[in-house]
């Protein structure tokens, strides 16, 4: 995974990520910690292709999550598991998320 100068702002203009850069090598395990509102979830949603950030370099398993054709293949490389299973992506239950 390679990320350089990743920036993301929500439609209301609130910046969630500014100038984030890092590498994760094959076989490496990484933990991400920070206070509420630090951008952890936003970063993971960018990595999973759910949110579309700006970046000078953005590759996850050799795929660019910003590219629609490559984004379709991301689930083979990236998955998100929330700390609290009651917190899903859009709704309070998996059923409601799938129905969304």
PDB file of N, CA and C in Angstrom:
ATOM      1  N   UNK A   1       0.850  -1.153   0.000  1.00  0.00           N
ATOM      2  CA  UNK A   1       0.000   0.000   0.000  1.00  0.00           C
ATOM      3  C   UNK A   1       0.902   1.224   0.000  1.00  0.00           C
ATOM      4  N   UNK A   2       0.620   2.149  -0.897  1.00  0.00           N
ATOM      5  CA  UNK A   2       1.369   3.394  -0.969  1.00  0.00           C
ATOM      6  C   UNK A   2       0.391   4.557  -1.037  1.00  0.00           C
ATOM      7  N   UNK A   3       0.581   5.518  -0.159  1.00  0.00           N
ATOM      8  CA  UNK A   3      -0.271   6.705  -0.125  1.00  0.00           C
ATOM      9  C   UNK A   3       0.636   7.925  -0.015  1.00  0.00           C
ATOM     10  N   UNK A   4       0.432   8.908  -0.886  1.00  0.00           N
ATOM     11  CA  UNK A   4       1.201  10.149  -0.845  1.00  0.00           C
ATOM     12  C   UNK A   4       0.259  11.340  -0.950  1.00  0.00           C
ATOM     13  N   UNK A   5       0.364  12.225   0.006  1.00  0.00           N
ATOM     14  CA  UNK A   5      -0.368  13.500  -0.002  1.00  0.00           C
ATOM     15  C   UNK A   5      -1.874  13.314  -0.172  1.00  0.00           C
ATOM     16  N   UNK A   6      -2.438  12.334   0.509  1.00  0.00           N
ATOM     17  CA  UNK A   6      -3.875  12.068   0.435  1.00  0.00           C
ATOM     18  C   UNK A   6      -4.638  13.149   1.189  1.00  0.00           C
ATOM     19  N   UNK A   7      -5.641  13.700   0.528  1.00  0.00           N
ATOM     20  CA  UNK A   7      -6.478  14.749   1.102  1.00  0.00           C
ATOM     21  C   UNK A   7      -7.928  14.408   0.819  1.00  0.00           C
ATOM     22  N   UNK A   8      -8.773  14.589   1.822  1.00  0.00           N
ATOM     23  CA  UNK A   8     -10.205  14.366   1.627  1.00  0.00           C
ATOM     24  C   UNK A   8     -10.991  15.376   2.450  1.00  0.00           C
ATOM     25  N   UNK A   9     -12.010  15.967   1.820  1.00  0.00           N
ATOM     26  CA  UNK A   9     -12.929  16.866   2.515  1.00  0.00           C
ATOM     27  C   UNK A   9     -14.353  16.418   2.211  1.00  0.00           C
ATOM     28  N   UNK A  10     -15.205  16.485   3.205  1.00  0.00           N
ATOM     29  CA  UNK A  10     -16.613  16.140   3.036  1.00  0.00           C
ATOM     30  C   UNK A  10     -17.332  17.252   2.286  1.00  0.00           C
ATOM     31  N   UNK A  11     -18.521  16.980   1.716  1.00  0.00           N
ATOM     32  CA  UNK A  11     -19.239  17.982   0.925  1.00  0.00           C
ATOM     33  C   UNK A  11     -19.489  19.303   1.666  1.00  0.00           C
ATOM     34  N   UNK A  12     -19.592  19.245   2.990  1.00  0.00           N
ATOM     35  CA  UNK A  12     -19.806  20.495   3.736  1.00  0.00           C
ATOM     36  C   UNK A  12     -18.522  21.313   3.867  1.00  0.00           C
ATOM     37  N   UNK A  13     -17.418  20.803   3.289  1.00  0.00           N
ATOM     38  CA  UNK A  13     -16.145  21.511   3.322  1.00  0.00           C
ATOM     39  C   UNK A  13     -15.235  21.122   4.464  1.00  0.00           C
ATOM     40  N   UNK A  14     -15.721  20.297   5.381  1.00  0.00           N
ATOM     41  CA  UNK A  14     -14.907  19.877   6.526  1.00  0.00           C
ATOM     42  C   UNK A  14     -13.783  18.955   6.057  1.00  0.00           C
ATOM     43  N   UNK A  15     -12.547  19.360   6.315  1.00  0.00           N
ATOM     44  CA  UNK A  15     -11.389  18.537   5.952  1.00  0.00           C
ATOM     45  C   UNK A  15     -11.252  17.387   6.933  1.00  0.00           C
ATOM     46  N   UNK A  16     -11.205  16.177   6.403  1.00  0.00           N
ATOM     47  CA  UNK A  16     -11.028  14.998   7.250  1.00  0.00           C
ATOM     48  C   UNK A  16      -9.584  14.525   7.216  1.00  0.00           C
ATOM     49  N   UNK A  17      -8.931  14.673   6.065  1.00  0.00           N
ATOM     50  CA  UNK A  17      -7.550  14.218   5.881  1.00  0.00           C
ATOM     51  C   UNK A  17      -6.806  15.260   5.056  1.00  0.00           C
ATOM     52  N   UNK A  18      -5.606  15.615   5.490  1.00  0.00           N
ATOM     53  CA  UNK A  18      -4.806  16.606   4.771  1.00  0.00           C
ATOM     54  C   UNK A  18      -3.354  16.130   4.710  1.00  0.00           C
ATOM     55  N   UNK A  19      -2.867  15.854   3.503  1.00  0.00           N
ATOM     56  CA  UNK A  19      -1.465  15.516   3.302  1.00  0.00           C
ATOM     57  C   UNK A  19      -0.995  14.229   3.949  1.00  0.00           C
ATOM     58  N   UNK A  20      -1.846  13.211   3.989  1.00  0.00           N
ATOM     59  CA  UNK A  20      -1.494  11.932   4.619  1.00  0.00           C
ATOM     60  C   UNK A  20      -0.599  11.126   3.673  1.00  0.00           C
ATOM     61  N   UNK A  21       0.534  10.641   4.192  1.00  0.00           N
ATOM     62  CA  UNK A  21       1.460   9.824   3.406  1.00  0.00           C
ATOM     63  C   UNK A  21       1.961   8.659   4.249  1.00  0.00           C
ATOM     64  N   UNK A  22       1.994   7.462   3.659  1.00  0.00           N
ATOM     65  CA  UNK A  22       2.547   6.292   4.345  1.00  0.00           C
ATOM     66  C   UNK A  22       2.686   5.138   3.364  1.00  0.00           C
ATOM     67  N   UNK A  23       3.478   4.147   3.759  1.00  0.00           N
ATOM     68  CA  UNK A  23       3.618   2.888   3.026  1.00  0.00           C
ATOM     69  C   UNK A  23       3.338   1.755   3.998  1.00  0.00           C
ATOM     70  N   UNK A  24       2.689   0.709   3.517  1.00  0.00           N
ATOM     71  CA  UNK A  24       2.535  -0.531   4.271  1.00  0.00           C
ATOM     72  C   UNK A  24       3.062  -1.628   3.359  1.00  0.00           C
ATOM     73  N   UNK A  25       4.088  -2.317   3.813  1.00  0.00           N
ATOM     74  CA  UNK A  25       4.716  -3.357   3.005  1.00  0.00           C
ATOM     75  C   UNK A  25       3.942  -4.669   3.087  1.00  0.00           C
ATOM     76  N   UNK A  26       4.081  -5.509   2.085  1.00  0.00           N
ATOM     77  CA  UNK A  26       3.433  -6.824   2.072  1.00  0.00           C
ATOM     78  C   UNK A  26       3.815  -7.590   3.334  1.00  0.00           C
ATOM     79  N   UNK A  27       2.824  -8.155   4.003  1.00  0.00           N
ATOM     80  CA  UNK A  27       3.045  -8.932   5.216  1.00  0.00           C
ATOM     81  C   UNK A  27       3.151  -8.110   6.479  1.00  0.00           C
ATOM     82  N   UNK A  28       3.160  -6.809   6.353  1.00  0.00           N
ATOM     83  CA  UNK A  28       3.280  -5.920   7.508  1.00  0.00           C
ATOM     84  C   UNK A  28       1.910  -5.692   8.141  1.00  0.00           C
ATOM     85  N   UNK A  29       1.861  -5.632   9.464  1.00  0.00           N
ATOM     86  CA  UNK A  29       0.631  -5.310  10.197  1.00  0.00           C
ATOM     87  C   UNK A  29       0.771  -3.917  10.786  1.00  0.00           C
ATOM     88  N   UNK A  30      -0.286  -3.137  10.667  1.00  0.00           N
ATOM     89  CA  UNK A  30      -0.259  -1.754  11.130  1.00  0.00           C
ATOM     90  C   UNK A  30      -1.516  -1.478  11.932  1.00  0.00           C
ATOM     91  N   UNK A  31      -1.364  -0.777  13.048  1.00  0.00           N
ATOM     92  CA  UNK A  31      -2.510  -0.320  13.828  1.00  0.00           C
ATOM     93  C   UNK A  31      -2.635   1.181  13.679  1.00  0.00           C
ATOM     94  N   UNK A  32      -3.839   1.678  13.650  1.00  0.00           N
ATOM     95  CA  UNK A  32      -4.087   3.110  13.532  1.00  0.00           C
ATOM     96  C   UNK A  32      -4.896   3.551  14.737  1.00  0.00           C
ATOM     97  N   UNK A  33      -4.338   4.451  15.518  1.00  0.00           N
ATOM     98  CA  UNK A  33      -5.022   4.946  16.710  1.00  0.00           C
ATOM     99  C   UNK A  33      -5.071   6.465  16.660  1.00  0.00           C
ATOM    100  N   UNK A  34      -6.064   7.023  17.326  1.00  0.00           N
ATOM    101  CA  UNK A  34      -6.203   8.470  17.404  1.00  0.00           C
ATOM    102  C   UNK A  34      -7.517   8.819  18.052  1.00  0.00           C
ATOM    103  N   UNK A  35      -7.667  10.075  18.437  1.00  0.00           N
ATOM    104  CA  UNK A  35      -8.899  10.507  19.095  1.00  0.00           C
ATOM    105  C   UNK A  35     -10.080  10.533  18.125  1.00  0.00           C
ATOM    106  N   UNK A  36     -11.281  10.608  18.671  1.00  0.00           N
ATOM    107  CA  UNK A  36     -12.482  10.751  17.851  1.00  0.00           C
ATOM    108  C   UNK A  36     -12.322  11.957  16.933  1.00  0.00           C
ATOM    109  N   UNK A  37     -12.713  11.787  15.685  1.00  0.00           N
ATOM    110  CA  UNK A  37     -12.658  12.887  14.731  1.00  0.00           C
ATOM    111  C   UNK A  37     -11.300  13.102  14.092  1.00  0.00           C
ATOM    112  N   UNK A  38     -10.343  12.218  14.354  1.00  0.00           N
ATOM    113  CA  UNK A  38      -8.992  12.387  13.804  1.00  0.00           C
ATOM    114  C   UNK A  38      -8.906  11.991  12.329  1.00  0.00           C
ATOM    115  N   UNK A  39      -9.890  11.242  11.816  1.00  0.00           N
ATOM    116  CA  UNK A  39      -9.895  10.845  10.414  1.00  0.00           C
ATOM    117  C   UNK A  39      -9.613   9.375  10.160  1.00  0.00           C
ATOM    118  N   UNK A  40      -9.602   8.561  11.220  1.00  0.00           N
ATOM    119  CA  UNK A  40      -9.302   7.126  11.059  1.00  0.00           C
ATOM    120  C   UNK A  40     -10.319   6.448  10.146  1.00  0.00           C
ATOM    121  N   UNK A  41     -11.587   6.624  10.420  1.00  0.00           N
ATOM    122  CA  UNK A  41     -12.633   5.994   9.607  1.00  0.00           C
ATOM    123  C   UNK A  41     -12.613   6.553   8.194  1.00  0.00           C
ATOM    124  N   UNK A  42     -12.435   7.859   8.056  1.00  0.00           N
ATOM    125  CA  UNK A  42     -12.365   8.466   6.718  1.00  0.00           C
ATOM    126  C   UNK A  42     -11.222   7.862   5.917  1.00  0.00           C
ATOM    127  N   UNK A  43     -10.068   7.659   6.547  1.00  0.00           N
ATOM    128  CA  UNK A  43      -8.929   7.055   5.857  1.00  0.00           C
ATOM    129  C   UNK A  43      -9.275   5.649   5.379  1.00  0.00           C
ATOM    130  N   UNK A  44      -9.849   4.837   6.250  1.00  0.00           N
ATOM    131  CA  UNK A  44     -10.181   3.467   5.853  1.00  0.00           C
ATOM    132  C   UNK A  44     -11.255   3.436   4.774  1.00  0.00           C
ATOM    133  N   UNK A  45     -12.204   4.359   4.816  1.00  0.00           N
ATOM    134  CA  UNK A  45     -13.220   4.419   3.764  1.00  0.00           C
ATOM    135  C   UNK A  45     -12.600   4.842   2.432  1.00  0.00           C
ATOM    136  N   UNK A  46     -11.563   5.675   2.472  1.00  0.00           N
ATOM    137  CA  UNK A  46     -10.821   6.008   1.249  1.00  0.00           C
ATOM    138  C   UNK A  46     -10.088   4.782   0.724  1.00  0.00           C
ATOM    139  N   UNK A  47      -9.425   4.054   1.619  1.00  0.00           N
ATOM    140  CA  UNK A  47      -8.674   2.861   1.212  1.00  0.00           C
ATOM    141  C   UNK A  47      -9.580   1.799   0.610  1.00  0.00           C
ATOM    142  N   UNK A  48     -10.812   1.723   1.100  1.00  0.00           N
ATOM    143  CA  UNK A  48     -11.769   0.729   0.606  1.00  0.00           C
ATOM    144  C   UNK A  48     -12.495   1.198  -0.653  1.00  0.00           C
ATOM    145  N   UNK A  49     -12.249   2.435  -1.080  1.00  0.00           N
ATOM    146  CA  UNK A  49     -12.889   2.946  -2.287  1.00  0.00           C
ATOM    147  C   UNK A  49     -14.269   3.507  -2.070  1.00  0.00           C
ATOM    148  N   UNK A  50     -14.693   3.637  -0.818  1.00  0.00           N
ATOM    149  CA  UNK A  50     -16.020   4.194  -0.524  1.00  0.00           C
ATOM    150  C   UNK A  50     -16.001   5.709  -0.701  1.00  0.00           C
ATOM    151  N   UNK A  51     -14.939   6.357  -0.227  1.00  0.00           N
ATOM    152  CA  UNK A  51     -14.749   7.796  -0.409  1.00  0.00           C
ATOM    153  C   UNK A  51     -13.659   8.003  -1.453  1.00  0.00           C
ATOM    154  N   UNK A  52     -13.732   9.108  -2.186  1.00  0.00           N
ATOM    155  CA  UNK A  52     -12.776   9.370  -3.265  1.00  0.00           C
ATOM    156  C   UNK A  52     -11.916  10.587  -2.919  1.00  0.00           C
ATOM    157  N   UNK A  53     -10.707  10.342  -2.418  1.00  0.00           N
ATOM    158  CA  UNK A  53      -9.816  11.438  -2.042  1.00  0.00           C
ATOM    159  C   UNK A  53      -8.974  11.929  -3.226  1.00  0.00           C
ATOM    160  N   UNK A  54      -8.227  12.994  -2.971  1.00  0.00           N
ATOM    161  CA  UNK A  54      -7.186  13.430  -3.903  1.00  0.00           C
ATOM    162  C   UNK A  54      -5.854  12.950  -3.337  1.00  0.00           C
ATOM    163  N   UNK A  55      -4.937  12.561  -4.206  1.00  0.00           N
ATOM    164  CA  UNK A  55      -3.615  12.111  -3.762  1.00  0.00           C
ATOM    165  C   UNK A  55      -2.675  12.106  -4.955  1.00  0.00           C
ATOM    166  N   UNK A  56      -1.372  12.310  -4.694  1.00  0.00           N
ATOM    167  CA  UNK A  56      -0.399  12.223  -5.779  1.00  0.00           C
ATOM    168  C   UNK A  56      -0.081  10.768  -6.111  1.00  0.00           C
ATOM    169  N   UNK A  57      -0.169   9.881  -5.120  1.00  0.00           N
ATOM    170  CA  UNK A  57       0.010   8.440  -5.317  1.00  0.00           C
ATOM    171  C   UNK A  57      -0.926   7.727  -4.356  1.00  0.00           C
ATOM    172  N   UNK A  58      -1.702   6.787  -4.882  1.00  0.00           N
ATOM    173  CA  UNK A  58      -2.686   6.092  -4.049  1.00  0.00           C
ATOM    174  C   UNK A  58      -2.868   4.694  -4.610  1.00  0.00           C
ATOM    175  N   UNK A  59      -2.227   3.699  -3.987  1.00  0.00           N
ATOM    176  CA  UNK A  59      -2.343   2.320  -4.441  1.00  0.00           C
ATOM    177  C   UNK A  59      -2.563   1.391  -3.261  1.00  0.00           C
ATOM    178  N   UNK A  60      -3.533   0.517  -3.429  1.00  0.00           N
ATOM    179  CA  UNK A  60      -3.849  -0.502  -2.426  1.00  0.00           C
ATOM    180  C   UNK A  60      -3.770  -1.842  -3.146  1.00  0.00           C
ATOM    181  N   UNK A  61      -2.782  -2.645  -2.812  1.00  0.00           N
ATOM    182  CA  UNK A  61      -2.604  -3.924  -3.497  1.00  0.00           C
ATOM    183  C   UNK A  61      -2.412  -3.760  -4.986  1.00  0.00           C
ATOM    184  N   UNK A  62      -1.755  -2.667  -5.393  1.00  0.00           N
ATOM    185  CA  UNK A  62      -1.529  -2.398  -6.806  1.00  0.00           C
ATOM    186  C   UNK A  62      -2.706  -1.761  -7.516  1.00  0.00           C
ATOM    187  N   UNK A  63      -3.799  -1.516  -6.810  1.00  0.00           N
ATOM    188  CA  UNK A  63      -5.000  -0.912  -7.389  1.00  0.00           C
ATOM    189  C   UNK A  63      -5.139   0.531  -6.919  1.00  0.00           C
ATOM    190  N   UNK A  64      -5.677   1.388  -7.788  1.00  0.00           N
ATOM    191  CA  UNK A  64      -5.969   2.771  -7.416  1.00  0.00           C
ATOM    192  C   UNK A  64      -7.462   2.870  -7.096  1.00  0.00           C
ATOM    193  N   UNK A  65      -7.823   3.058  -5.820  1.00  0.00           N
ATOM    194  CA  UNK A  65      -9.237   3.108  -5.431  1.00  0.00           C
ATOM    195  C   UNK A  65     -10.031   4.233  -6.087  1.00  0.00           C
ATOM    196  N   UNK A  66      -9.359   5.219  -6.667  1.00  0.00           N
ATOM    197  CA  UNK A  66     -10.066   6.318  -7.336  1.00  0.00           C
ATOM    198  C   UNK A  66     -10.548   5.922  -8.723  1.00  0.00           C
ATOM    199  N   UNK A  67      -9.967   4.879  -9.308  1.00  0.00           N
ATOM    200  CA  UNK A  67     -10.308   4.429 -10.651  1.00  0.00           C
ATOM    201  C   UNK A  67     -11.486   3.461 -10.570  1.00  0.00           C
ATOM    202  N   UNK A  68     -12.626   3.794 -11.213  1.00  0.00           N
ATOM    203  CA  UNK A  68     -13.816   2.935 -11.096  1.00  0.00           C
ATOM    204  C   UNK A  68     -13.568   1.478 -11.481  1.00  0.00           C
ATOM    205  N   UNK A  69     -12.802   1.227 -12.533  1.00  0.00           N
ATOM    206  CA  UNK A  69     -12.547  -0.158 -12.958  1.00  0.00           C
ATOM    207  C   UNK A  69     -11.726  -0.901 -11.913  1.00  0.00           C
ATOM    208  N   UNK A  70     -10.742  -0.227 -11.336  1.00  0.00           N
ATOM    209  CA  UNK A  70      -9.906  -0.860 -10.320  1.00  0.00           C
ATOM    210  C   UNK A  70     -10.640  -0.966  -8.984  1.00  0.00           C
ATOM    211  N   UNK A  71     -11.499   0.004  -8.701  1.00  0.00           N
ATOM    212  CA  UNK A  71     -12.246   0.012  -7.436  1.00  0.00           C
ATOM    213  C   UNK A  71     -13.115  -1.243  -7.294  1.00  0.00           C
ATOM    214  N   UNK A  72     -13.627  -1.753  -8.401  1.00  0.00           N
ATOM    215  CA  UNK A  72     -14.461  -2.963  -8.360  1.00  0.00           C
ATOM    216  C   UNK A  72     -13.682  -4.170  -7.845  1.00  0.00           C
ATOM    217  N   UNK A  73     -12.350  -4.150  -8.012  1.00  0.00           N
ATOM    218  CA  UNK A  73     -11.520  -5.276  -7.574  1.00  0.00           C
ATOM    219  C   UNK A  73     -11.003  -5.098  -6.146  1.00  0.00           C
ATOM    220  N   UNK A  74     -11.251  -3.950  -5.524  1.00  0.00           N
ATOM    221  CA  UNK A  74     -10.737  -3.680  -4.178  1.00  0.00           C
ATOM    222  C   UNK A  74     -11.177  -4.674  -3.113  1.00  0.00           C
ATOM    223  N   UNK A  75     -12.414  -5.184  -3.139  1.00  0.00           N
ATOM    224  CA  UNK A  75     -12.804  -6.125  -2.075  1.00  0.00           C
ATOM    225  C   UNK A  75     -11.910  -7.362  -1.974  1.00  0.00           C
ATOM    226  N   UNK A  76     -11.129  -7.639  -3.012  1.00  0.00           N
ATOM    227  CA  UNK A  76     -10.180  -8.755  -2.915  1.00  0.00           C
ATOM    228  C   UNK A  76      -8.935  -8.359  -2.131  1.00  0.00           C
ATOM    229  N   UNK A  77      -8.765  -7.063  -1.880  1.00  0.00           N
ATOM    230  CA  UNK A  77      -7.573  -6.549  -1.212  1.00  0.00           C
ATOM    231  C   UNK A  77      -7.856  -5.910   0.150  1.00  0.00           C
ATOM    232  N   UNK A  78      -9.052  -5.331   0.324  1.00  0.00           N
ATOM    233  CA  UNK A  78      -9.344  -4.504   1.500  1.00  0.00           C
ATOM    234  C   UNK A  78     -10.710  -4.854   2.069  1.00  0.00           C
ATOM    235  N   UNK A  79     -10.789  -4.897   3.373  1.00  0.00           N
ATOM    236  CA  UNK A  79     -12.062  -5.048   4.072  1.00  0.00           C
ATOM    237  C   UNK A  79     -12.028  -4.209   5.333  1.00  0.00           C
ATOM    238  N   UNK A  80     -13.181  -3.813   5.804  1.00  0.00           N
ATOM    239  CA  UNK A  80     -13.265  -2.994   7.012  1.00  0.00           C
ATOM    240  C   UNK A  80     -14.107  -3.728   8.040  1.00  0.00           C
ATOM    241  N   UNK A  81     -13.586  -3.823   9.240  1.00  0.00           N
ATOM    242  CA  UNK A  81     -14.333  -4.366  10.373  1.00  0.00           C
ATOM    243  C   UNK A  81     -14.337  -3.286  11.443  1.00  0.00           C
ATOM    244  N   UNK A  82     -15.513  -2.825  11.804  1.00  0.00           N
ATOM    245  CA  UNK A  82     -15.607  -1.764  12.802  1.00  0.00           C
ATOM    246  C   UNK A  82     -15.412  -2.319  14.204  1.00  0.00           C
ATOM    247  N   UNK A  83     -14.914  -1.464  15.090  1.00  0.00           N
ATOM    248  CA  UNK A  83     -14.677  -1.854  16.478  1.00  0.00           C
ATOM    249  C   UNK A  83     -15.968  -2.319  17.138  1.00  0.00           C
ATOM    250  N   UNK A  84     -17.042  -1.598  16.898  1.00  0.00           N
ATOM    251  CA  UNK A  84     -18.345  -1.929  17.462  1.00  0.00           C
ATOM    252  C   UNK A  84     -19.203  -2.487  16.332  1.00  0.00           C
ATOM    253  N   UNK A  85     -19.567  -3.745  16.412  1.00  0.00           N
ATOM    254  CA  UNK A  85     -20.329  -4.368  15.323  1.00  0.00           C
ATOM    255  C   UNK A  85     -21.702  -3.737  15.126  1.00  0.00           C
ATOM    256  N   UNK A  86     -22.165  -2.952  16.094  1.00  0.00           N
ATOM    257  CA  UNK A  86     -23.437  -2.246  15.926  1.00  0.00           C
ATOM    258  C   UNK A  86     -23.302  -1.059  14.974  1.00  0.00           C
ATOM    259  N   UNK A  87     -22.071  -0.612  14.752  1.00  0.00           N
ATOM    260  CA  UNK A  87     -21.824   0.521  13.859  1.00  0.00           C
ATOM    261  C   UNK A  87     -21.462  -0.010  12.483  1.00  0.00           C
ATOM    262  N   UNK A  88     -22.384   0.115  11.551  1.00  0.00           N
ATOM    263  CA  UNK A  88     -22.134  -0.331  10.189  1.00  0.00           C
ATOM    264  C   UNK A  88     -21.857   0.892   9.325  1.00  0.00           C
ATOM    265  N   UNK A  89     -21.753   0.704   8.033  1.00  0.00           N
ATOM    266  CA  UNK A  89     -21.389   1.818   7.154  1.00  0.00           C
ATOM    267  C   UNK A  89     -22.515   2.842   7.040  1.00  0.00           C
ATOM    268  N   UNK A  90     -23.738   2.402   6.784  1.00  0.00           N
ATOM    269  CA  UNK A  90     -24.825   3.349   6.585  1.00  0.00           C
ATOM    270  C   UNK A  90     -25.918   3.237   7.642  1.00  0.00           C
ATOM    271  N   UNK A  91     -26.126   2.058   8.165  1.00  0.00           N
ATOM    272  CA  UNK A  91     -27.255   1.801   9.058  1.00  0.00           C
ATOM    273  C   UNK A  91     -26.796   1.078  10.316  1.00  0.00           C
ATOM    274  N   UNK A  92     -27.735   0.851  11.205  1.00  0.00           N
ATOM    275  CA  UNK A  92     -27.415   0.208  12.482  1.00  0.00           C
ATOM    276  C   UNK A  92     -27.308  -1.312  12.377  1.00  0.00           C
ATOM    277  N   UNK A  93     -27.795  -1.897  11.267  1.00  0.00           N
ATOM    278  CA  UNK A  93     -27.734  -3.357  11.124  1.00  0.00           C
ATOM    279  C   UNK A  93     -27.166  -3.728   9.753  1.00  0.00           C
ATOM    280  N   UNK A  94     -26.605  -4.916   9.653  1.00  0.00           N
ATOM    281  CA  UNK A  94     -26.097  -5.406   8.373  1.00  0.00           C
ATOM    282  C   UNK A  94     -27.241  -5.521   7.377  1.00  0.00           C
ATOM    283  N   UNK A  95     -28.397  -6.002   7.824  1.00  0.00           N
ATOM    284  CA  UNK A  95     -29.564  -6.126   6.944  1.00  0.00           C
ATOM    285  C   UNK A  95     -29.898  -4.775   6.312  1.00  0.00           C
ATOM    286  N   UNK A  96     -29.960  -3.719   7.138  1.00  0.00           N
ATOM    287  CA  UNK A  96     -30.284  -2.392   6.619  1.00  0.00           C
ATOM    288  C   UNK A  96     -29.192  -1.868   5.684  1.00  0.00           C
ATOM    289  N   UNK A  97     -27.920  -2.198   5.978  1.00  0.00           N
ATOM    290  CA  UNK A  97     -26.835  -1.801   5.079  1.00  0.00           C
ATOM    291  C   UNK A  97     -26.997  -2.458   3.714  1.00  0.00           C
ATOM    292  N   UNK A  98     -27.282  -3.757   3.702  1.00  0.00           N
ATOM    293  CA  UNK A  98     -27.448  -4.481   2.441  1.00  0.00           C
ATOM    294  C   UNK A  98     -28.666  -3.947   1.689  1.00  0.00           C
ATOM    295  N   UNK A  99     -29.728  -3.633   2.407  1.00  0.00           N
ATOM    296  CA  UNK A  99     -30.936  -3.096   1.782  1.00  0.00           C
ATOM    297  C   UNK A  99     -30.701  -1.707   1.206  1.00  0.00           C
ATOM    298  N   UNK A 100     -29.745  -0.975   1.780  1.00  0.00           N
ATOM    299  CA  UNK A 100     -29.442   0.382   1.330  1.00  0.00           C
ATOM    300  C   UNK A 100     -28.965   0.337  -0.105  1.00  0.00           C
TER     301      UNK A 100
END
